[in-house]
Amino acid sequence: MSAVVAISSEHGLVEYFVTDGAINKERFLRFIDMMKDKVGIRKDVVIFMDNLSVHHSNVVKEKIAILGWRLLFNAAYSSEIHCIEVVFASVKRTYRTKILSQIRNLNHTQHRKIIEESIESVPKDQIGRTIDKFVVMWRKMLDYAEE
């Protein structure tokens, strides 16, 4: 079984990480290091995460704080307002199509390659449009909450 962690911006996927097994603290910290290499230590980075327990661990929060990034957590059980979920839906569609055509003789390496090809198949402009759509929705929600 493989798991995927990804970060996107309005320009497309910034980084992704495919790992064997579930995401744990060590794997997620490794992914943060990969992100740091891509985006650097900057104050304008906001990490929007779901409520996976790893994301709430002190070591992860501390590492992100050291990088100067800000954390924003999605409302519990609200994946429909998490833009990466739209991207992952596209990845899963491509993955399923590819896997169904190759399912008989698939080994671990081929499985991982199909995941990576599925991630790479998401058009960069789709990610930007998705983020724009969610930013508008979040602003409306914030405006409503302030009323």
N, C-alpha and C. Protein backbone atom coordinates (compact mmCIF):
# COMPACT_ATOMS: atom_id res chain seq x y z
N MET A 1 0.84 -1.17 0.00
CA MET A 1 0.00 0.00 0.00
C MET A 1 0.89 1.24 0.00
N SER A 2 0.50 2.22 -0.76
CA SER A 2 1.25 3.47 -0.84
C SER A 2 0.38 4.63 -0.37
N ALA A 3 1.02 5.69 0.07
CA ALA A 3 0.33 6.91 0.47
C ALA A 3 0.98 8.08 -0.24
N VAL A 4 0.21 9.14 -0.43
CA VAL A 4 0.70 10.32 -1.14
C VAL A 4 0.47 11.56 -0.28
N VAL A 5 1.47 12.43 -0.24
CA VAL A 5 1.37 13.74 0.37
C VAL A 5 1.73 14.73 -0.73
N ALA A 6 1.00 15.84 -0.82
CA ALA A 6 1.30 16.81 -1.88
C ALA A 6 1.05 18.22 -1.39
N ILE A 7 1.75 19.16 -2.02
CA ILE A 7 1.52 20.58 -1.78
C ILE A 7 1.35 21.23 -3.14
N SER A 8 0.37 22.11 -3.22
CA SER A 8 0.10 22.78 -4.49
C SER A 8 0.05 24.28 -4.28
N SER A 9 0.19 24.99 -5.36
CA SER A 9 0.03 26.44 -5.36
C SER A 9 -0.79 26.79 -6.58
N GLU A 10 -1.02 28.07 -6.78
CA GLU A 10 -1.80 28.48 -7.96
C GLU A 10 -1.07 28.15 -9.26
N HIS A 11 0.19 27.76 -9.18
CA HIS A 11 0.99 27.41 -10.36
C HIS A 11 1.05 25.91 -10.62
N GLY A 12 0.42 25.11 -9.77
CA GLY A 12 0.44 23.67 -9.94
C GLY A 12 1.01 22.97 -8.72
N LEU A 13 1.35 21.70 -8.87
CA LEU A 13 1.93 20.95 -7.76
C LEU A 13 3.35 21.44 -7.52
N VAL A 14 3.63 21.77 -6.27
CA VAL A 14 4.97 22.23 -5.90
C VAL A 14 5.84 21.02 -5.61
N GLU A 15 5.27 20.07 -4.87
CA GLU A 15 6.01 18.88 -4.49
C GLU A 15 5.02 17.80 -4.12
N TYR A 16 5.40 16.57 -4.34
CA TYR A 16 4.62 15.44 -3.85
C TYR A 16 5.57 14.35 -3.41
N PHE A 17 5.05 13.47 -2.58
CA PHE A 17 5.86 12.43 -1.98
C PHE A 17 5.00 11.16 -1.94
N VAL A 18 5.46 10.12 -2.60
CA VAL A 18 4.78 8.82 -2.57
C VAL A 18 5.59 7.92 -1.66
N THR A 19 4.93 7.34 -0.68
CA THR A 19 5.64 6.52 0.29
C THR A 19 4.95 5.16 0.42
N ASP A 20 5.72 4.18 0.78
CA ASP A 20 5.16 2.86 1.05
C ASP A 20 4.60 2.87 2.47
N GLY A 21 3.35 2.51 2.61
CA GLY A 21 2.71 2.51 3.92
C GLY A 21 2.11 3.86 4.24
N ALA A 22 1.53 3.94 5.42
CA ALA A 22 0.83 5.16 5.85
C ALA A 22 1.81 6.30 6.13
N ILE A 23 1.28 7.51 6.09
CA ILE A 23 2.08 8.68 6.45
C ILE A 23 2.21 8.72 7.97
N ASN A 24 3.45 8.77 8.43
CA ASN A 24 3.71 8.92 9.86
C ASN A 24 4.53 10.20 10.05
N LYS A 25 4.87 10.52 11.30
CA LYS A 25 5.60 11.77 11.57
C LYS A 25 6.91 11.85 10.80
N GLU A 26 7.67 10.77 10.82
CA GLU A 26 8.98 10.79 10.17
C GLU A 26 8.84 11.04 8.67
N ARG A 27 7.89 10.38 8.06
CA ARG A 27 7.69 10.56 6.61
C ARG A 27 7.18 11.97 6.31
N PHE A 28 6.29 12.47 7.15
CA PHE A 28 5.77 13.81 6.91
C PHE A 28 6.86 14.86 7.12
N LEU A 29 7.72 14.67 8.11
CA LEU A 29 8.84 15.60 8.32
C LEU A 29 9.79 15.57 7.13
N ARG A 30 10.00 14.39 6.55
CA ARG A 30 10.82 14.29 5.35
C ARG A 30 10.18 15.09 4.21
N PHE A 31 8.86 15.02 4.11
CA PHE A 31 8.14 15.78 3.08
C PHE A 31 8.28 17.29 3.33
N ILE A 32 8.21 17.72 4.59
CA ILE A 32 8.40 19.14 4.91
C ILE A 32 9.79 19.59 4.46
N ASP A 33 10.80 18.75 4.69
CA ASP A 33 12.16 19.09 4.22
C ASP A 33 12.19 19.23 2.70
N MET A 34 11.47 18.36 2.00
CA MET A 34 11.40 18.46 0.53
C MET A 34 10.73 19.78 0.12
N MET A 35 9.67 20.14 0.83
CA MET A 35 8.97 21.41 0.53
C MET A 35 9.89 22.59 0.80
N LYS A 36 10.63 22.52 1.91
CA LYS A 36 11.56 23.60 2.25
C LYS A 36 12.57 23.82 1.14
N ASP A 37 13.05 22.73 0.57
CA ASP A 37 14.01 22.83 -0.53
C ASP A 37 13.38 23.51 -1.75
N LYS A 38 12.07 23.34 -1.93
CA LYS A 38 11.38 23.94 -3.08
C LYS A 38 10.99 25.40 -2.84
N VAL A 39 10.42 25.69 -1.65
CA VAL A 39 9.87 27.04 -1.43
C VAL A 39 10.71 27.91 -0.50
N GLY A 40 11.59 27.30 0.27
CA GLY A 40 12.46 28.05 1.14
C GLY A 40 11.78 28.48 2.43
N ILE A 41 12.52 29.26 3.23
CA ILE A 41 12.01 29.78 4.50
C ILE A 41 11.42 31.16 4.19
N ARG A 42 10.10 31.20 4.16
CA ARG A 42 9.39 32.44 3.77
C ARG A 42 8.17 32.62 4.66
N LYS A 43 7.80 33.86 4.86
CA LYS A 43 6.64 34.17 5.71
C LYS A 43 5.32 34.08 4.95
N ASP A 44 5.34 34.02 3.62
CA ASP A 44 4.10 34.04 2.85
C ASP A 44 3.57 32.65 2.52
N VAL A 45 4.07 31.62 3.19
CA VAL A 45 3.62 30.26 2.93
C VAL A 45 2.58 29.87 3.99
N VAL A 46 1.42 29.46 3.52
CA VAL A 46 0.37 28.97 4.40
C VAL A 46 0.11 27.52 4.03
N ILE A 47 0.22 26.64 4.99
CA ILE A 47 0.00 25.21 4.76
C ILE A 47 -1.41 24.89 5.24
N PHE A 48 -2.27 24.50 4.30
CA PHE A 48 -3.65 24.13 4.59
C PHE A 48 -3.71 22.62 4.66
N MET A 49 -3.99 22.08 5.85
CA MET A 49 -3.93 20.63 6.04
C MET A 49 -5.24 20.09 6.57
N ASP A 50 -5.43 18.80 6.32
CA ASP A 50 -6.58 18.13 6.92
C ASP A 50 -6.21 17.76 8.35
N ASN A 51 -7.04 16.99 8.99
CA ASN A 51 -6.86 16.73 10.42
C ASN A 51 -6.22 15.39 10.73
N LEU A 52 -5.37 14.91 9.84
CA LEU A 52 -4.60 13.72 10.12
C LEU A 52 -3.80 13.96 11.40
N SER A 53 -3.75 12.99 12.28
CA SER A 53 -3.09 13.20 13.58
C SER A 53 -1.63 13.64 13.43
N VAL A 54 -0.97 13.16 12.40
CA VAL A 54 0.43 13.56 12.15
C VAL A 54 0.53 15.08 11.98
N HIS A 55 -0.44 15.68 11.31
CA HIS A 55 -0.42 17.12 11.07
C HIS A 55 -0.51 17.92 12.37
N HIS A 56 -1.12 17.34 13.39
CA HIS A 56 -1.31 18.03 14.67
C HIS A 56 -0.19 17.74 15.67
N SER A 57 0.78 16.92 15.30
CA SER A 57 1.84 16.58 16.25
C SER A 57 2.71 17.81 16.53
N ASN A 58 3.20 17.88 17.74
CA ASN A 58 4.03 19.03 18.14
C ASN A 58 5.28 19.16 17.28
N VAL A 59 5.92 18.04 16.96
CA VAL A 59 7.16 18.09 16.18
C VAL A 59 6.89 18.68 14.79
N VAL A 60 5.76 18.34 14.19
CA VAL A 60 5.41 18.89 12.87
C VAL A 60 5.11 20.38 12.99
N LYS A 61 4.31 20.76 13.99
CA LYS A 61 3.98 22.18 14.19
C LYS A 61 5.24 23.00 14.45
N GLU A 62 6.14 22.48 15.26
CA GLU A 62 7.38 23.19 15.57
C GLU A 62 8.24 23.36 14.31
N LYS A 63 8.36 22.32 13.52
CA LYS A 63 9.17 22.38 12.29
C LYS A 63 8.61 23.44 11.34
N ILE A 64 7.30 23.46 11.18
CA ILE A 64 6.66 24.43 10.29
C ILE A 64 6.83 25.85 10.84
N ALA A 65 6.74 26.01 12.15
CA ALA A 65 6.93 27.33 12.77
C ALA A 65 8.37 27.83 12.55
N ILE A 66 9.34 26.94 12.67
CA ILE A 66 10.74 27.31 12.46
C ILE A 66 10.95 27.83 11.03
N LEU A 67 10.23 27.25 10.07
CA LEU A 67 10.34 27.68 8.68
C LEU A 67 9.61 28.99 8.41
N GLY A 68 8.86 29.47 9.41
CA GLY A 68 8.13 30.73 9.25
C GLY A 68 6.81 30.57 8.51
N TRP A 69 6.41 29.34 8.27
CA TRP A 69 5.16 29.09 7.56
C TRP A 69 4.01 29.11 8.56
N ARG A 70 2.82 29.36 8.05
CA ARG A 70 1.62 29.36 8.89
C ARG A 70 0.78 28.12 8.59
N LEU A 71 0.09 27.66 9.61
CA LEU A 71 -0.78 26.49 9.48
C LEU A 71 -2.24 26.91 9.47
N LEU A 72 -3.00 26.27 8.62
CA LEU A 72 -4.44 26.45 8.59
C LEU A 72 -5.04 25.06 8.44
N PHE A 73 -5.87 24.67 9.40
CA PHE A 73 -6.45 23.33 9.37
C PHE A 73 -7.86 23.38 8.81
N ASN A 74 -8.17 22.40 7.99
CA ASN A 74 -9.51 22.25 7.43
C ASN A 74 -10.48 21.87 8.54
N ALA A 75 -11.73 22.28 8.39
CA ALA A 75 -12.76 21.86 9.34
C ALA A 75 -12.86 20.32 9.29
N ALA A 76 -13.10 19.73 10.44
CA ALA A 76 -13.19 18.27 10.51
C ALA A 76 -14.28 17.74 9.57
N TYR A 77 -13.98 16.65 8.92
CA TYR A 77 -14.91 15.96 8.02
C TYR A 77 -15.42 16.88 6.90
N SER A 78 -14.55 17.75 6.39
CA SER A 78 -14.94 18.70 5.35
C SER A 78 -13.99 18.66 4.17
N SER A 79 -13.71 17.49 3.67
CA SER A 79 -12.76 17.38 2.57
C SER A 79 -13.24 18.12 1.33
N GLU A 80 -14.55 18.36 1.23
CA GLU A 80 -15.07 19.07 0.06
C GLU A 80 -14.60 20.53 0.00
N ILE A 81 -14.07 21.07 1.10
CA ILE A 81 -13.54 22.43 1.06
C ILE A 81 -12.02 22.45 1.16
N HIS A 82 -11.40 21.33 0.84
CA HIS A 82 -9.94 21.23 0.83
C HIS A 82 -9.52 21.04 -0.63
N CYS A 83 -8.88 22.05 -1.22
CA CYS A 83 -8.61 22.05 -2.65
C CYS A 83 -7.74 20.87 -3.11
N ILE A 84 -6.84 20.37 -2.27
CA ILE A 84 -6.00 19.25 -2.71
C ILE A 84 -6.85 18.00 -2.95
N GLU A 85 -7.99 17.92 -2.29
CA GLU A 85 -8.88 16.77 -2.50
C GLU A 85 -9.42 16.75 -3.93
N VAL A 86 -9.64 17.92 -4.52
CA VAL A 86 -10.08 17.99 -5.91
C VAL A 86 -8.96 17.47 -6.82
N VAL A 87 -7.73 17.87 -6.50
CA VAL A 87 -6.58 17.39 -7.26
C VAL A 87 -6.45 15.88 -7.11
N PHE A 88 -6.54 15.39 -5.86
CA PHE A 88 -6.42 13.96 -5.63
C PHE A 88 -7.53 13.17 -6.33
N ALA A 89 -8.72 13.75 -6.45
CA ALA A 89 -9.81 13.07 -7.17
C ALA A 89 -9.40 12.83 -8.62
N SER A 90 -8.76 13.82 -9.21
CA SER A 90 -8.28 13.70 -10.59
C SER A 90 -7.18 12.63 -10.68
N VAL A 91 -6.28 12.64 -9.71
CA VAL A 91 -5.20 11.64 -9.66
C VAL A 91 -5.80 10.24 -9.55
N LYS A 92 -6.78 10.08 -8.67
CA LYS A 92 -7.39 8.77 -8.45
C LYS A 92 -8.10 8.27 -9.71
N ARG A 93 -8.76 9.17 -10.43
CA ARG A 93 -9.43 8.76 -11.68
C ARG A 93 -8.41 8.20 -12.67
N THR A 94 -7.32 8.93 -12.87
CA THR A 94 -6.28 8.47 -13.79
C THR A 94 -5.66 7.16 -13.30
N TYR A 95 -5.39 7.10 -12.01
CA TYR A 95 -4.80 5.90 -11.42
C TYR A 95 -5.70 4.68 -11.65
N ARG A 96 -6.99 4.84 -11.36
CA ARG A 96 -7.93 3.72 -11.54
C ARG A 96 -7.96 3.24 -12.99
N THR A 97 -7.98 4.19 -13.91
CA THR A 97 -8.00 3.83 -15.32
C THR A 97 -6.76 3.02 -15.68
N LYS A 98 -5.60 3.48 -15.24
CA LYS A 98 -4.35 2.80 -15.55
C LYS A 98 -4.26 1.44 -14.84
N ILE A 99 -4.67 1.41 -13.60
CA ILE A 99 -4.55 0.18 -12.82
C ILE A 99 -5.46 -0.91 -13.36
N LEU A 100 -6.65 -0.53 -13.81
CA LEU A 100 -7.57 -1.53 -14.35
C LEU A 100 -7.03 -2.17 -15.61
N SER A 101 -6.27 -1.40 -16.37
CA SER A 101 -5.73 -1.96 -17.61
C SER A 101 -4.49 -2.82 -17.35
N GLN A 102 -3.90 -2.74 -16.16
CA GLN A 102 -2.66 -3.48 -15.88
C GLN A 102 -2.73 -4.37 -14.65
N ILE A 103 -3.89 -4.54 -14.09
CA ILE A 103 -4.02 -5.14 -12.77
C ILE A 103 -3.46 -6.56 -12.65
N ARG A 104 -3.47 -7.31 -13.72
CA ARG A 104 -3.08 -8.71 -13.61
C ARG A 104 -1.63 -8.92 -13.17
N ASN A 105 -0.71 -8.26 -13.78
CA ASN A 105 0.71 -8.53 -13.53
C ASN A 105 1.44 -7.34 -12.90
N LEU A 106 0.79 -6.64 -12.04
CA LEU A 106 1.35 -5.43 -11.45
C LEU A 106 2.25 -5.76 -10.26
N ASN A 107 3.50 -5.31 -10.32
CA ASN A 107 4.37 -5.47 -9.16
C ASN A 107 4.46 -4.13 -8.42
N HIS A 108 5.17 -4.13 -7.30
CA HIS A 108 5.26 -2.94 -6.45
C HIS A 108 5.83 -1.72 -7.20
N THR A 109 6.86 -1.91 -7.95
CA THR A 109 7.49 -0.81 -8.69
C THR A 109 6.53 -0.22 -9.71
N GLN A 110 5.81 -1.09 -10.40
CA GLN A 110 4.83 -0.62 -11.38
C GLN A 110 3.69 0.14 -10.69
N HIS A 111 3.27 -0.35 -9.55
CA HIS A 111 2.21 0.31 -8.77
C HIS A 111 2.63 1.74 -8.43
N ARG A 112 3.84 1.90 -7.92
CA ARG A 112 4.36 3.21 -7.56
C ARG A 112 4.49 4.12 -8.78
N LYS A 113 4.94 3.56 -9.90
CA LYS A 113 5.09 4.33 -11.13
C LYS A 113 3.74 4.85 -11.61
N ILE A 114 2.71 4.04 -11.51
CA ILE A 114 1.37 4.47 -11.92
C ILE A 114 0.88 5.60 -11.02
N ILE A 115 1.14 5.53 -9.73
CA ILE A 115 0.76 6.62 -8.83
C ILE A 115 1.45 7.91 -9.27
N GLU A 116 2.75 7.83 -9.52
CA GLU A 116 3.50 9.02 -9.93
C GLU A 116 3.01 9.57 -11.27
N GLU A 117 2.72 8.70 -12.23
CA GLU A 117 2.19 9.15 -13.52
C GLU A 117 0.82 9.80 -13.35
N SER A 118 0.02 9.27 -12.44
CA SER A 118 -1.30 9.84 -12.19
C SER A 118 -1.18 11.25 -11.60
N ILE A 119 -0.23 11.44 -10.70
CA ILE A 119 -0.01 12.77 -10.11
C ILE A 119 0.45 13.74 -11.19
N GLU A 120 1.40 13.30 -12.01
CA GLU A 120 1.94 14.16 -13.05
C GLU A 120 0.91 14.50 -14.12
N SER A 121 -0.17 13.72 -14.23
CA SER A 121 -1.17 13.95 -15.26
C SER A 121 -2.12 15.11 -14.97
N VAL A 122 -2.12 15.59 -13.73
CA VAL A 122 -3.03 16.68 -13.37
C VAL A 122 -2.51 17.97 -14.00
N PRO A 123 -3.33 18.62 -14.84
CA PRO A 123 -2.89 19.86 -15.48
C PRO A 123 -2.64 20.97 -14.46
N LYS A 124 -1.53 21.68 -14.62
CA LYS A 124 -1.18 22.74 -13.68
C LYS A 124 -2.26 23.82 -13.61
N ASP A 125 -2.88 24.15 -14.74
CA ASP A 125 -3.91 25.18 -14.71
C ASP A 125 -5.14 24.72 -13.95
N GLN A 126 -5.41 23.42 -13.90
CA GLN A 126 -6.53 22.91 -13.11
C GLN A 126 -6.29 23.19 -11.63
N ILE A 127 -5.07 23.01 -11.18
CA ILE A 127 -4.75 23.24 -9.77
C ILE A 127 -4.93 24.72 -9.44
N GLY A 128 -4.45 25.60 -10.31
CA GLY A 128 -4.61 27.04 -10.08
C GLY A 128 -6.06 27.44 -10.03
N ARG A 129 -6.87 26.94 -10.98
CA ARG A 129 -8.31 27.26 -10.98
C ARG A 129 -8.98 26.75 -9.73
N THR A 130 -8.59 25.55 -9.30
CA THR A 130 -9.19 24.97 -8.10
C THR A 130 -8.85 25.82 -6.87
N ILE A 131 -7.61 26.22 -6.74
CA ILE A 131 -7.21 27.05 -5.61
C ILE A 131 -7.98 28.37 -5.64
N ASP A 132 -8.08 29.01 -6.81
CA ASP A 132 -8.83 30.27 -6.92
C ASP A 132 -10.26 30.08 -6.45
N LYS A 133 -10.90 28.99 -6.87
CA LYS A 133 -12.28 28.71 -6.49
C LYS A 133 -12.42 28.57 -4.98
N PHE A 134 -11.48 27.86 -4.36
CA PHE A 134 -11.55 27.65 -2.93
C PHE A 134 -11.23 28.92 -2.15
N VAL A 135 -10.34 29.75 -2.64
CA VAL A 135 -10.05 31.02 -1.97
C VAL A 135 -11.31 31.88 -1.92
N VAL A 136 -12.05 31.95 -3.03
CA VAL A 136 -13.31 32.71 -3.06
C VAL A 136 -14.27 32.12 -2.04
N MET A 137 -14.39 30.80 -2.00
CA MET A 137 -15.31 30.15 -1.06
C MET A 137 -14.90 30.42 0.39
N TRP A 138 -13.59 30.31 0.69
CA TRP A 138 -13.12 30.56 2.06
C TRP A 138 -13.39 32.01 2.47
N ARG A 139 -13.16 32.96 1.54
CA ARG A 139 -13.42 34.37 1.86
C ARG A 139 -14.89 34.58 2.18
N LYS A 140 -15.78 33.98 1.40
CA LYS A 140 -17.22 34.08 1.68
C LYS A 140 -17.54 33.51 3.05
N MET A 141 -16.92 32.37 3.38
CA MET A 141 -17.17 31.76 4.69
C MET A 141 -16.67 32.66 5.81
N LEU A 142 -15.50 33.27 5.63
CA LEU A 142 -14.96 34.17 6.64
C LEU A 142 -15.83 35.42 6.78
N ASP A 143 -16.29 35.98 5.65
CA ASP A 143 -17.17 37.13 5.68
C ASP A 143 -18.45 36.80 6.42
N TYR A 144 -19.01 35.62 6.15
CA TYR A 144 -20.23 35.19 6.81
C TYR A 144 -20.00 35.03 8.31
N ALA A 145 -18.85 34.46 8.69
CA ALA A 145 -18.54 34.24 10.11
C ALA A 145 -18.35 35.56 10.86
N GLU A 146 -17.91 36.59 10.17
CA GLU A 146 -17.68 37.89 10.81
C GLU A 146 -18.96 38.68 11.00
N GLU A 147 -20.03 38.30 10.29
CA GLU A 147 -21.30 39.03 10.38
C GLU A 147 -21.98 38.81 11.71
